[in-house]
Amino acid sequence: MRKLTVNRKKYCAGAWCAIHIYAAFEPVSFPCINKKTHKLLGKVKNGKSLECEIPECEVTVMAAYDNLGVCAMTDYVTIPSGSEDVVLNGKTKLNPMRGNPFYFEKEN
């Protein structure tokens, strides 16, 4: 097992809503996947972080605003297999037409 840390930067857009973080440990198909293939890891409030354990296999981490799960996800990132700890940073973006979506910051 390795540690996953999801940091949510403080931002005014969507500040009142918690982001639900899901993980899929099996191959997934988008935009909506079977609820048996993903697991709710926790919720991240504005300016807070979430720490949890994930397996060493390839994991897809998804963010959504509500209990509809990944059918209403705003962004996802795939973490390759390995044994090192993973830190993901993200924040909401001001876009009222899309519900102020949350995005993970991608590395260059």
PDB file of N, CA and C in Angstrom:
ATOM      1  N   MET A   1       0.851  -1.187   0.000  1.00  0.00           N
ATOM      2  CA  MET A   1       0.000   0.000   0.000  1.00  0.00           C
ATOM      3  C   MET A   1       0.892   1.245   0.000  1.00  0.00           C
ATOM      4  N   ARG A   2       0.396   2.267  -0.635  1.00  0.00           N
ATOM      5  CA  ARG A   2       1.092   3.549  -0.668  1.00  0.00           C
ATOM      6  C   ARG A   2       0.114   4.650  -0.309  1.00  0.00           C
ATOM      7  N   LYS A   3       0.640   5.801   0.049  1.00  0.00           N
ATOM      8  CA  LYS A   3      -0.196   6.899   0.522  1.00  0.00           C
ATOM      9  C   LYS A   3      -0.516   7.850  -0.625  1.00  0.00           C
ATOM     10  N   LEU A   4      -1.790   8.206  -0.729  1.00  0.00           N
ATOM     11  CA  LEU A   4      -2.259   9.207  -1.687  1.00  0.00           C
ATOM     12  C   LEU A   4      -2.703  10.430  -0.903  1.00  0.00           C
ATOM     13  N   THR A   5      -2.185  11.601  -1.294  1.00  0.00           N
ATOM     14  CA  THR A   5      -2.590  12.860  -0.687  1.00  0.00           C
ATOM     15  C   THR A   5      -3.186  13.733  -1.776  1.00  0.00           C
ATOM     16  N   VAL A   6      -4.414  14.203  -1.559  1.00  0.00           N
ATOM     17  CA  VAL A   6      -5.085  15.105  -2.493  1.00  0.00           C
ATOM     18  C   VAL A   6      -5.222  16.449  -1.793  1.00  0.00           C
ATOM     19  N   ASN A   7      -4.559  17.470  -2.343  1.00  0.00           N
ATOM     20  CA  ASN A   7      -4.606  18.822  -1.797  1.00  0.00           C
ATOM     21  C   ASN A   7      -5.522  19.676  -2.657  1.00  0.00           C
ATOM     22  N   ARG A   8      -6.463  20.358  -2.021  1.00  0.00           N
ATOM     23  CA  ARG A   8      -7.356  21.270  -2.734  1.00  0.00           C
ATOM     24  C   ARG A   8      -6.974  22.693  -2.362  1.00  0.00           C
ATOM     25  N   LYS A   9      -6.574  23.459  -3.361  1.00  0.00           N
ATOM     26  CA  LYS A   9      -6.201  24.844  -3.113  1.00  0.00           C
ATOM     27  C   LYS A   9      -7.447  25.664  -2.807  1.00  0.00           C
ATOM     28  N   LYS A  10      -7.279  26.631  -1.930  1.00  0.00           N
ATOM     29  CA  LYS A  10      -8.393  27.486  -1.532  1.00  0.00           C
ATOM     30  C   LYS A  10      -8.703  28.445  -2.675  1.00  0.00           C
ATOM     31  N   TYR A  11      -9.983  28.504  -3.049  1.00  0.00           N
ATOM     32  CA  TYR A  11     -10.422  29.359  -4.146  1.00  0.00           C
ATOM     33  C   TYR A  11     -11.885  29.700  -3.919  1.00  0.00           C
ATOM     34  N   CYS A  12     -12.293  30.877  -4.390  1.00  0.00           N
ATOM     35  CA  CYS A  12     -13.661  31.339  -4.122  1.00  0.00           C
ATOM     36  C   CYS A  12     -14.717  30.549  -4.901  1.00  0.00           C
ATOM     37  N   ALA A  13     -14.392  30.062  -6.099  1.00  0.00           N
ATOM     38  CA  ALA A  13     -15.376  29.324  -6.905  1.00  0.00           C
ATOM     39  C   ALA A  13     -15.606  27.946  -6.298  1.00  0.00           C
ATOM     40  N   GLY A  14     -16.843  27.630  -6.012  1.00  0.00           N
ATOM     41  CA  GLY A  14     -17.188  26.331  -5.448  1.00  0.00           C
ATOM     42  C   GLY A  14     -16.688  26.129  -4.027  1.00  0.00           C
ATOM     43  N   ALA A  15     -16.470  27.215  -3.303  1.00  0.00           N
ATOM     44  CA  ALA A  15     -15.889  27.127  -1.966  1.00  0.00           C
ATOM     45  C   ALA A  15     -16.788  26.408  -0.973  1.00  0.00           C
ATOM     46  N   TRP A  16     -18.086  26.441  -1.171  1.00  0.00           N
ATOM     47  CA  TRP A  16     -19.042  25.853  -0.227  1.00  0.00           C
ATOM     48  C   TRP A  16     -19.245  24.361  -0.437  1.00  0.00           C
ATOM     49  N   CYS A  17     -18.742  23.798  -1.540  1.00  0.00           N
ATOM     50  CA  CYS A  17     -18.969  22.388  -1.861  1.00  0.00           C
ATOM     51  C   CYS A  17     -17.721  21.549  -1.608  1.00  0.00           C
ATOM     52  N   ALA A  18     -17.921  20.372  -1.074  1.00  0.00           N
ATOM     53  CA  ALA A  18     -16.818  19.429  -0.911  1.00  0.00           C
ATOM     54  C   ALA A  18     -16.668  18.612  -2.189  1.00  0.00           C
ATOM     55  N   ILE A  19     -15.449  18.282  -2.519  1.00  0.00           N
ATOM     56  CA  ILE A  19     -15.161  17.448  -3.685  1.00  0.00           C
ATOM     57  C   ILE A  19     -15.088  16.001  -3.218  1.00  0.00           C
ATOM     58  N   HIS A  20     -15.796  15.112  -3.897  1.00  0.00           N
ATOM     59  CA  HIS A  20     -15.768  13.688  -3.594  1.00  0.00           C
ATOM     60  C   HIS A  20     -14.660  13.059  -4.444  1.00  0.00           C
ATOM     61  N   ILE A  21     -13.753  12.353  -3.804  1.00  0.00           N
ATOM     62  CA  ILE A  21     -12.631  11.729  -4.506  1.00  0.00           C
ATOM     63  C   ILE A  21     -12.897  10.228  -4.588  1.00  0.00           C
ATOM     64  N   TYR A  22     -12.885   9.700  -5.807  1.00  0.00           N
ATOM     65  CA  TYR A  22     -13.112   8.279  -6.069  1.00  0.00           C
ATOM     66  C   TYR A  22     -11.854   7.669  -6.664  1.00  0.00           C
ATOM     67  N   ALA A  23     -11.702   6.360  -6.495  1.00  0.00           N
ATOM     68  CA  ALA A  23     -10.592   5.635  -7.102  1.00  0.00           C
ATOM     69  C   ALA A  23     -11.124   4.386  -7.779  1.00  0.00           C
ATOM     70  N   ALA A  24     -10.564   4.077  -8.941  1.00  0.00           N
ATOM     71  CA  ALA A  24     -10.902   2.855  -9.669  1.00  0.00           C
ATOM     72  C   ALA A  24      -9.629   2.022  -9.767  1.00  0.00           C
ATOM     73  N   PHE A  25      -9.716   0.787  -9.317  1.00  0.00           N
ATOM     74  CA  PHE A  25      -8.551  -0.092  -9.288  1.00  0.00           C
ATOM     75  C   PHE A  25      -8.545  -1.065 -10.450  1.00  0.00           C
ATOM     76  N   GLU A  26      -9.621  -1.101 -11.217  1.00  0.00           N
ATOM     77  CA  GLU A  26      -9.724  -1.970 -12.387  1.00  0.00           C
ATOM     78  C   GLU A  26      -9.772  -1.081 -13.621  1.00  0.00           C
ATOM     79  N   PRO A  27      -9.568  -1.629 -14.807  1.00  0.00           N
ATOM     80  CA  PRO A  27      -9.712  -0.800 -16.012  1.00  0.00           C
ATOM     81  C   PRO A  27     -11.108  -0.180 -16.056  1.00  0.00           C
ATOM     82  N   VAL A  28     -11.170   1.093 -16.426  1.00  0.00           N
ATOM     83  CA  VAL A  28     -12.435   1.819 -16.410  1.00  0.00           C
ATOM     84  C   VAL A  28     -12.808   2.257 -17.816  1.00  0.00           C
ATOM     85  N   SER A  29     -14.094   2.508 -18.017  1.00  0.00           N
ATOM     86  CA  SER A  29     -14.572   3.077 -19.267  1.00  0.00           C
ATOM     87  C   SER A  29     -15.333   4.347 -18.917  1.00  0.00           C
ATOM     88  N   PHE A  30     -15.151   5.378 -19.667  1.00  0.00           N
ATOM     89  CA  PHE A  30     -15.773   6.661 -19.386  1.00  0.00           C
ATOM     90  C   PHE A  30     -16.852   6.933 -20.408  1.00  0.00           C
ATOM     91  N   PRO A  31     -17.817   7.806 -20.155  1.00  0.00           N
ATOM     92  CA  PRO A  31     -17.895   8.752 -19.065  1.00  0.00           C
ATOM     93  C   PRO A  31     -18.469   8.184 -17.778  1.00  0.00           C
ATOM     94  N   CYS A  32     -19.162   7.063 -17.819  1.00  0.00           N
ATOM     95  CA  CYS A  32     -19.764   6.504 -16.604  1.00  0.00           C
ATOM     96  C   CYS A  32     -19.315   5.062 -16.449  1.00  0.00           C
ATOM     97  N   ILE A  33     -18.898   4.712 -15.240  1.00  0.00           N
ATOM     98  CA  ILE A  33     -18.439   3.349 -15.010  1.00  0.00           C
ATOM     99  C   ILE A  33     -19.330   2.663 -13.997  1.00  0.00           C
ATOM    100  N   ASN A  34     -19.231   1.378 -13.951  1.00  0.00           N
ATOM    101  CA  ASN A  34     -20.008   0.572 -13.022  1.00  0.00           C
ATOM    102  C   ASN A  34     -19.609   0.925 -11.592  1.00  0.00           C
ATOM    103  N   LYS A  35     -20.585   1.099 -10.713  1.00  0.00           N
ATOM    104  CA  LYS A  35     -20.284   1.486  -9.331  1.00  0.00           C
ATOM    105  C   LYS A  35     -19.451   0.448  -8.593  1.00  0.00           C
ATOM    106  N   LYS A  36     -19.410  -0.782  -9.074  1.00  0.00           N
ATOM    107  CA  LYS A  36     -18.624  -1.807  -8.408  1.00  0.00           C
ATOM    108  C   LYS A  36     -17.126  -1.635  -8.647  1.00  0.00           C
ATOM    109  N   THR A  37     -16.749  -0.875  -9.664  1.00  0.00           N
ATOM    110  CA  THR A  37     -15.338  -0.741  -9.991  1.00  0.00           C
ATOM    111  C   THR A  37     -14.680   0.488  -9.379  1.00  0.00           C
ATOM    112  N   HIS A  38     -15.429   1.332  -8.676  1.00  0.00           N
ATOM    113  CA  HIS A  38     -14.799   2.483  -8.040  1.00  0.00           C
ATOM    114  C   HIS A  38     -15.213   2.595  -6.575  1.00  0.00           C
ATOM    115  N   LYS A  39     -14.379   3.314  -5.816  1.00  0.00           N
ATOM    116  CA  LYS A  39     -14.576   3.413  -4.376  1.00  0.00           C
ATOM    117  C   LYS A  39     -14.430   4.867  -3.956  1.00  0.00           C
ATOM    118  N   LEU A  40     -15.303   5.328  -3.079  1.00  0.00           N
ATOM    119  CA  LEU A  40     -15.196   6.679  -2.526  1.00  0.00           C
ATOM    120  C   LEU A  40     -14.068   6.693  -1.504  1.00  0.00           C
ATOM    121  N   LEU A  41     -13.055   7.523  -1.752  1.00  0.00           N
ATOM    122  CA  LEU A  41     -11.931   7.635  -0.820  1.00  0.00           C
ATOM    123  C   LEU A  41     -12.200   8.658   0.271  1.00  0.00           C
ATOM    124  N   GLY A  42     -12.984   9.671  -0.044  1.00  0.00           N
ATOM    125  CA  GLY A  42     -13.294  10.704   0.934  1.00  0.00           C
ATOM    126  C   GLY A  42     -13.706  11.994   0.265  1.00  0.00           C
ATOM    127  N   LYS A  43     -13.894  13.018   1.096  1.00  0.00           N
ATOM    128  CA  LYS A  43     -14.307  14.332   0.620  1.00  0.00           C
ATOM    129  C   LYS A  43     -13.233  15.348   0.992  1.00  0.00           C
ATOM    130  N   VAL A  44     -13.045  16.333   0.103  1.00  0.00           N
ATOM    131  CA  VAL A  44     -12.046  17.373   0.338  1.00  0.00           C
ATOM    132  C   VAL A  44     -12.750  18.725   0.300  1.00  0.00           C
ATOM    133  N   LYS A  45     -12.682  19.448   1.413  1.00  0.00           N
ATOM    134  CA  LYS A  45     -13.277  20.781   1.472  1.00  0.00           C
ATOM    135  C   LYS A  45     -12.267  21.812   0.970  1.00  0.00           C
ATOM    136  N   ASN A  46     -12.751  23.022   0.745  1.00  0.00           N
ATOM    137  CA  ASN A  46     -11.936  24.103   0.204  1.00  0.00           C
ATOM    138  C   ASN A  46     -10.735  24.394   1.107  1.00  0.00           C
ATOM    139  N   GLY A  47      -9.528  24.348   0.552  1.00  0.00           N
ATOM    140  CA  GLY A  47      -8.309  24.625   1.296  1.00  0.00           C
ATOM    141  C   GLY A  47      -7.826  23.485   2.167  1.00  0.00           C
ATOM    142  N   LYS A  48      -8.429  22.325   2.094  1.00  0.00           N
ATOM    143  CA  LYS A  48      -8.065  21.173   2.931  1.00  0.00           C
ATOM    144  C   LYS A  48      -7.394  20.089   2.089  1.00  0.00           C
ATOM    145  N   SER A  49      -7.018  19.002   2.740  1.00  0.00           N
ATOM    146  CA  SER A  49      -6.409  17.883   2.027  1.00  0.00           C
ATOM    147  C   SER A  49      -6.979  16.562   2.550  1.00  0.00           C
ATOM    148  N   LEU A  50      -6.775  15.529   1.763  1.00  0.00           N
ATOM    149  CA  LEU A  50      -7.252  14.187   2.086  1.00  0.00           C
ATOM    150  C   LEU A  50      -6.081  13.228   1.957  1.00  0.00           C
ATOM    151  N   GLU A  51      -5.889  12.386   2.955  1.00  0.00           N
ATOM    152  CA  GLU A  51      -4.856  11.355   2.908  1.00  0.00           C
ATOM    153  C   GLU A  51      -5.517   9.998   3.037  1.00  0.00           C
ATOM    154  N   CYS A  52      -5.119   9.073   2.172  1.00  0.00           N
ATOM    155  CA  CYS A  52      -5.659   7.716   2.213  1.00  0.00           C
ATOM    156  C   CYS A  52      -4.631   6.769   1.595  1.00  0.00           C
ATOM    157  N   GLU A  53      -4.907   5.487   1.690  1.00  0.00           N
ATOM    158  CA  GLU A  53      -4.011   4.482   1.129  1.00  0.00           C
ATOM    159  C   GLU A  53      -4.618   3.895  -0.129  1.00  0.00           C
ATOM    160  N   ILE A  54      -3.752   3.666  -1.112  1.00  0.00           N
ATOM    161  CA  ILE A  54      -4.159   3.042  -2.372  1.00  0.00           C
ATOM    162  C   ILE A  54      -3.215   1.883  -2.651  1.00  0.00           C
ATOM    163  N   PRO A  55      -3.633   0.914  -3.441  1.00  0.00           N
ATOM    164  CA  PRO A  55      -2.758  -0.216  -3.754  1.00  0.00           C
ATOM    165  C   PRO A  55      -1.630   0.202  -4.703  1.00  0.00           C
ATOM    166  N   GLU A  56      -0.671  -0.687  -4.882  1.00  0.00           N
ATOM    167  CA  GLU A  56       0.487  -0.381  -5.711  1.00  0.00           C
ATOM    168  C   GLU A  56       0.237  -0.608  -7.197  1.00  0.00           C
ATOM    169  N   CYS A  57      -0.963  -1.035  -7.562  1.00  0.00           N
ATOM    170  CA  CYS A  57      -1.295  -1.217  -8.978  1.00  0.00           C
ATOM    171  C   CYS A  57      -1.696   0.136  -9.579  1.00  0.00           C
ATOM    172  N   GLU A  58      -1.976   0.155 -10.878  1.00  0.00           N
ATOM    173  CA  GLU A  58      -2.429   1.379 -11.539  1.00  0.00           C
ATOM    174  C   GLU A  58      -3.801   1.771 -11.006  1.00  0.00           C
ATOM    175  N   VAL A  59      -3.951   3.064 -10.672  1.00  0.00           N
ATOM    176  CA  VAL A  59      -5.182   3.564 -10.067  1.00  0.00           C
ATOM    177  C   VAL A  59      -5.631   4.811 -10.822  1.00  0.00           C
ATOM    178  N   THR A  60      -6.925   4.903 -11.097  1.00  0.00           N
ATOM    179  CA  THR A  60      -7.497   6.108 -11.685  1.00  0.00           C
ATOM    180  C   THR A  60      -8.246   6.851 -10.583  1.00  0.00           C
ATOM    181  N   VAL A  61      -7.826   8.087 -10.328  1.00  0.00           N
ATOM    182  CA  VAL A  61      -8.429   8.917  -9.285  1.00  0.00           C
ATOM    183  C   VAL A  61      -9.335   9.938  -9.962  1.00  0.00           C
ATOM    184  N   MET A  62     -10.583  10.031  -9.487  1.00  0.00           N
ATOM    185  CA  MET A  62     -11.583  10.898 -10.092  1.00  0.00           C
ATOM    186  C   MET A  62     -12.156  11.866  -9.070  1.00  0.00           C
ATOM    187  N   ALA A  63     -12.576  13.040  -9.535  1.00  0.00           N
ATOM    188  CA  ALA A  63     -13.174  14.048  -8.669  1.00  0.00           C
ATOM    189  C   ALA A  63     -14.587  14.356  -9.146  1.00  0.00           C
ATOM    190  N   ALA A  64     -15.523  14.438  -8.203  1.00  0.00           N
ATOM    191  CA  ALA A  64     -16.912  14.781  -8.512  1.00  0.00           C
ATOM    192  C   ALA A  64     -17.451  15.642  -7.377  1.00  0.00           C
ATOM    193  N   TYR A  65     -18.497  16.422  -7.671  1.00  0.00           N
ATOM    194  CA  TYR A  65     -19.066  17.311  -6.657  1.00  0.00           C
ATOM    195  C   TYR A  65     -20.113  16.667  -5.776  1.00  0.00           C
ATOM    196  N   ASP A  66     -20.670  15.518  -6.171  1.00  0.00           N
ATOM    197  CA  ASP A  66     -21.783  14.993  -5.394  1.00  0.00           C
ATOM    198  C   ASP A  66     -21.778  13.473  -5.370  1.00  0.00           C
ATOM    199  N   ASN A  67     -22.827  12.915  -4.800  1.00  0.00           N
ATOM    200  CA  ASN A  67     -22.928  11.469  -4.634  1.00  0.00           C
ATOM    201  C   ASN A  67     -23.290  10.732  -5.910  1.00  0.00           C
ATOM    202  N   LEU A  68     -23.469  11.427  -7.017  1.00  0.00           N
ATOM    203  CA  LEU A  68     -23.748  10.751  -8.273  1.00  0.00           C
ATOM    204  C   LEU A  68     -22.529   9.962  -8.748  1.00  0.00           C
ATOM    205  N   GLY A  69     -21.412  10.213  -8.114  1.00  0.00           N
ATOM    206  CA  GLY A  69     -20.208   9.459  -8.435  1.00  0.00           C
ATOM    207  C   GLY A  69     -19.559   9.928  -9.709  1.00  0.00           C
ATOM    208  N   VAL A  70     -18.839   9.023 -10.336  1.00  0.00           N
ATOM    209  CA  VAL A  70     -18.058   9.396 -11.495  1.00  0.00           C
ATOM    210  C   VAL A  70     -18.905   9.686 -12.716  1.00  0.00           C
ATOM    211  N   CYS A  71     -20.194   9.431 -12.658  1.00  0.00           N
ATOM    212  CA  CYS A  71     -21.066   9.831 -13.769  1.00  0.00           C
ATOM    213  C   CYS A  71     -21.127  11.350 -13.859  1.00  0.00           C
ATOM    214  N   ALA A  72     -20.833  12.042 -12.762  1.00  0.00           N
ATOM    215  CA  ALA A  72     -20.829  13.498 -12.733  1.00  0.00           C
ATOM    216  C   ALA A  72     -19.430  14.032 -12.449  1.00  0.00           C
ATOM    217  N   MET A  73     -18.400  13.269 -12.813  1.00  0.00           N
ATOM    218  CA  MET A  73     -17.042  13.681 -12.481  1.00  0.00           C
ATOM    219  C   MET A  73     -16.626  14.912 -13.268  1.00  0.00           C
ATOM    220  N   THR A  74     -15.709  15.685 -12.702  1.00  0.00           N
ATOM    221  CA  THR A  74     -15.197  16.869 -13.365  1.00  0.00           C
ATOM    222  C   THR A  74     -13.810  16.622 -13.949  1.00  0.00           C
ATOM    223  N   ASP A  75     -12.999  15.766 -13.326  1.00  0.00           N
ATOM    224  CA  ASP A  75     -11.659  15.487 -13.832  1.00  0.00           C
ATOM    225  C   ASP A  75     -11.175  14.159 -13.265  1.00  0.00           C
ATOM    226  N   TYR A  76     -10.171  13.590 -13.925  1.00  0.00           N
ATOM    227  CA  TYR A  76      -9.563  12.350 -13.443  1.00  0.00           C
ATOM    228  C   TYR A  76      -8.093  12.344 -13.803  1.00  0.00           C
ATOM    229  N   VAL A  77      -7.330  11.549 -13.096  1.00  0.00           N
ATOM    230  CA  VAL A  77      -5.909  11.366 -13.376  1.00  0.00           C
ATOM    231  C   VAL A  77      -5.576   9.901 -13.115  1.00  0.00           C
ATOM    232  N   THR A  78      -4.725   9.324 -13.957  1.00  0.00           N
ATOM    233  CA  THR A  78      -4.314   7.937 -13.788  1.00  0.00           C
ATOM    234  C   THR A  78      -2.929   7.906 -13.166  1.00  0.00           C
ATOM    235  N   ILE A  79      -2.814   7.178 -12.069  1.00  0.00           N
ATOM    236  CA  ILE A  79      -1.543   7.035 -11.356  1.00  0.00           C
ATOM    237  C   ILE A  79      -0.942   5.695 -11.755  1.00  0.00           C
ATOM    238  N   PRO A  80       0.286   5.689 -12.297  1.00  0.00           N
ATOM    239  CA  PRO A  80       0.887   4.418 -12.705  1.00  0.00           C
ATOM    240  C   PRO A  80       1.227   3.539 -11.502  1.00  0.00           C
ATOM    241  N   SER A  81       1.435   2.273 -11.761  1.00  0.00           N
ATOM    242  CA  SER A  81       1.787   1.362 -10.672  1.00  0.00           C
ATOM    243  C   SER A  81       3.163   1.725 -10.129  1.00  0.00           C
ATOM    244  N   GLY A  82       3.367   1.426  -8.866  1.00  0.00           N
ATOM    245  CA  GLY A  82       4.623   1.740  -8.190  1.00  0.00           C
ATOM    246  C   GLY A  82       4.433   1.691  -6.691  1.00  0.00           C
ATOM    247  N   SER A  83       5.512   1.971  -5.973  1.00  0.00           N
ATOM    248  CA  SER A  83       5.435   1.893  -4.516  1.00  0.00           C
ATOM    249  C   SER A  83       5.629   3.244  -3.834  1.00  0.00           C
ATOM    250  N   GLU A  84       5.918   4.304  -4.596  1.00  0.00           N
ATOM    251  CA  GLU A  84       6.151   5.615  -4.000  1.00  0.00           C
ATOM    252  C   GLU A  84       4.829   6.308  -3.684  1.00  0.00           C
ATOM    253  N   ASP A  85       4.863   7.181  -2.670  1.00  0.00           N
ATOM    254  CA  ASP A  85       3.684   7.948  -2.290  1.00  0.00           C
ATOM    255  C   ASP A  85       3.358   8.966  -3.382  1.00  0.00           C
ATOM    256  N   VAL A  86       2.069   9.328  -3.496  1.00  0.00           N
ATOM    257  CA  VAL A  86       1.600  10.213  -4.560  1.00  0.00           C
ATOM    258  C   VAL A  86       0.907  11.421  -3.946  1.00  0.00           C
ATOM    259  N   VAL A  87       1.217  12.610  -4.479  1.00  0.00           N
ATOM    260  CA  VAL A  87       0.560  13.845  -4.057  1.00  0.00           C
ATOM    261  C   VAL A  87      -0.101  14.460  -5.286  1.00  0.00           C
ATOM    262  N   LEU A  88      -1.408  14.709  -5.192  1.00  0.00           N
ATOM    263  CA  LEU A  88      -2.162  15.358  -6.265  1.00  0.00           C
ATOM    264  C   LEU A  88      -2.662  16.702  -5.761  1.00  0.00           C
ATOM    265  N   ASN A  89      -2.459  17.742  -6.557  1.00  0.00           N
ATOM    266  CA  ASN A  89      -2.945  19.072  -6.239  1.00  0.00           C
ATOM    267  C   ASN A  89      -4.029  19.442  -7.229  1.00  0.00           C
ATOM    268  N   GLY A  90      -4.982  20.229  -6.781  1.00  0.00           N
ATOM    269  CA  GLY A  90      -6.039  20.663  -7.681  1.00  0.00           C
ATOM    270  C   GLY A  90      -6.809  21.825  -7.100  1.00  0.00           C
ATOM    271  N   LYS A  91      -7.646  22.429  -7.945  1.00  0.00           N
ATOM    272  CA  LYS A  91      -8.496  23.523  -7.496  1.00  0.00           C
ATOM    273  C   LYS A  91      -9.672  23.660  -8.438  1.00  0.00           C
ATOM    274  N   THR A  92     -10.668  24.385  -7.973  1.00  0.00           N
ATOM    275  CA  THR A  92     -11.821  24.659  -8.821  1.00  0.00           C
ATOM    276  C   THR A  92     -11.478  25.810  -9.756  1.00  0.00           C
ATOM    277  N   LYS A  93     -12.146  25.839 -10.888  1.00  0.00           N
ATOM    278  CA  LYS A  93     -11.969  26.925 -11.842  1.00  0.00           C
ATOM    279  C   LYS A  93     -13.307  27.636 -11.992  1.00  0.00           C
ATOM    280  N   LEU A  94     -13.246  28.934 -12.087  1.00  0.00           N
ATOM    281  CA  LEU A  94     -14.457  29.738 -12.211  1.00  0.00           C
ATOM    282  C   LEU A  94     -15.067  29.523 -13.594  1.00  0.00           C
ATOM    283  N   ASN A  95     -16.185  28.831 -13.640  1.00  0.00           N
ATOM    284  CA  ASN A  95     -16.928  28.586 -14.861  1.00  0.00           C
ATOM    285  C   ASN A  95     -18.360  28.218 -14.462  1.00  0.00           C
ATOM    286  N   PRO A  96     -19.207  29.208 -14.202  1.00  0.00           N
ATOM    287  CA  PRO A  96     -20.574  28.931 -13.746  1.00  0.00           C
ATOM    288  C   PRO A  96     -21.394  28.086 -14.719  1.00  0.00           C
ATOM    289  N   MET A  97     -21.088  28.144 -16.003  1.00  0.00           N
ATOM    290  CA  MET A  97     -21.825  27.364 -16.991  1.00  0.00           C
ATOM    291  C   MET A  97     -21.573  25.866 -16.830  1.00  0.00           C
ATOM    292  N   ARG A  98     -20.426  25.489 -16.257  1.00  0.00           N
ATOM    293  CA  ARG A  98     -20.109  24.085 -16.035  1.00  0.00           C
ATOM    294  C   ARG A  98     -20.147  23.724 -14.557  1.00  0.00           C
ATOM    295  N   GLY A  99     -20.593  24.623 -13.699  1.00  0.00           N
ATOM    296  CA  GLY A  99     -20.708  24.329 -12.274  1.00  0.00           C
ATOM    297  C   GLY A  99     -19.407  24.477 -11.518  1.00  0.00           C
ATOM    298  N   ASN A 100     -18.518  25.363 -11.968  1.00  0.00           N
ATOM    299  CA  ASN A 100     -17.215  25.590 -11.333  1.00  0.00           C
ATOM    300  C   ASN A 100     -16.460  24.266 -11.112  1.00  0.00           C
ATOM    301  N   PRO A 101     -16.037  23.615 -12.185  1.00  0.00           N
ATOM    302  CA  PRO A 101     -15.440  22.280 -12.069  1.00  0.00           C
ATOM    303  C   PRO A 101     -14.103  22.268 -11.348  1.00  0.00           C
ATOM    304  N   PHE A 102     -13.801  21.118 -10.764  1.00  0.00           N
ATOM    305  CA  PHE A 102     -12.525  20.880 -10.081  1.00  0.00           C
ATOM    306  C   PHE A 102     -11.588  20.188 -11.059  1.00  0.00           C
ATOM    307  N   TYR A 103     -10.337  20.658 -11.105  1.00  0.00           N
ATOM    308  CA  TYR A 103      -9.340  20.061 -11.981  1.00  0.00           C
ATOM    309  C   TYR A 103      -8.083  19.716 -11.197  1.00  0.00           C
ATOM    310  N   PHE A 104      -7.523  18.561 -11.495  1.00  0.00           N
ATOM    311  CA  PHE A 104      -6.224  18.202 -10.949  1.00  0.00           C
ATOM    312  C   PHE A 104      -5.157  18.941 -11.739  1.00  0.00           C
ATOM    313  N   GLU A 105      -4.102  19.396 -11.064  1.00  0.00           N
ATOM    314  CA  GLU A 105      -2.995  20.044 -11.751  1.00  0.00           C
ATOM    315  C   GLU A 105      -2.131  18.960 -12.375  1.00  0.00           C
ATOM    316  N   LYS A 106      -1.904  19.076 -13.661  1.00  0.00           N
ATOM    317  CA  LYS A 106      -1.110  18.085 -14.385  1.00  0.00           C
ATOM    318  C   LYS A 106       0.357  18.521 -14.382  1.00  0.00           C
ATOM    319  N   GLU A 107       1.240  17.534 -14.233  1.00  0.00           N
ATOM    320  CA  GLU A 107       2.670  17.831 -14.290  1.00  0.00           C
ATOM    321  C   GLU A 107       3.098  17.994 -15.738  1.00  0.00           C
ATOM    322  N   ASN A 108       4.104  18.822 -15.958  1.00  0.00           N
ATOM    323  CA  ASN A 108       4.627  19.013 -17.324  1.00  0.00           C
ATOM    324  C   ASN A 108       5.584  17.899 -17.696  1.00  0.00           C
TER     325      ASN A 108
END
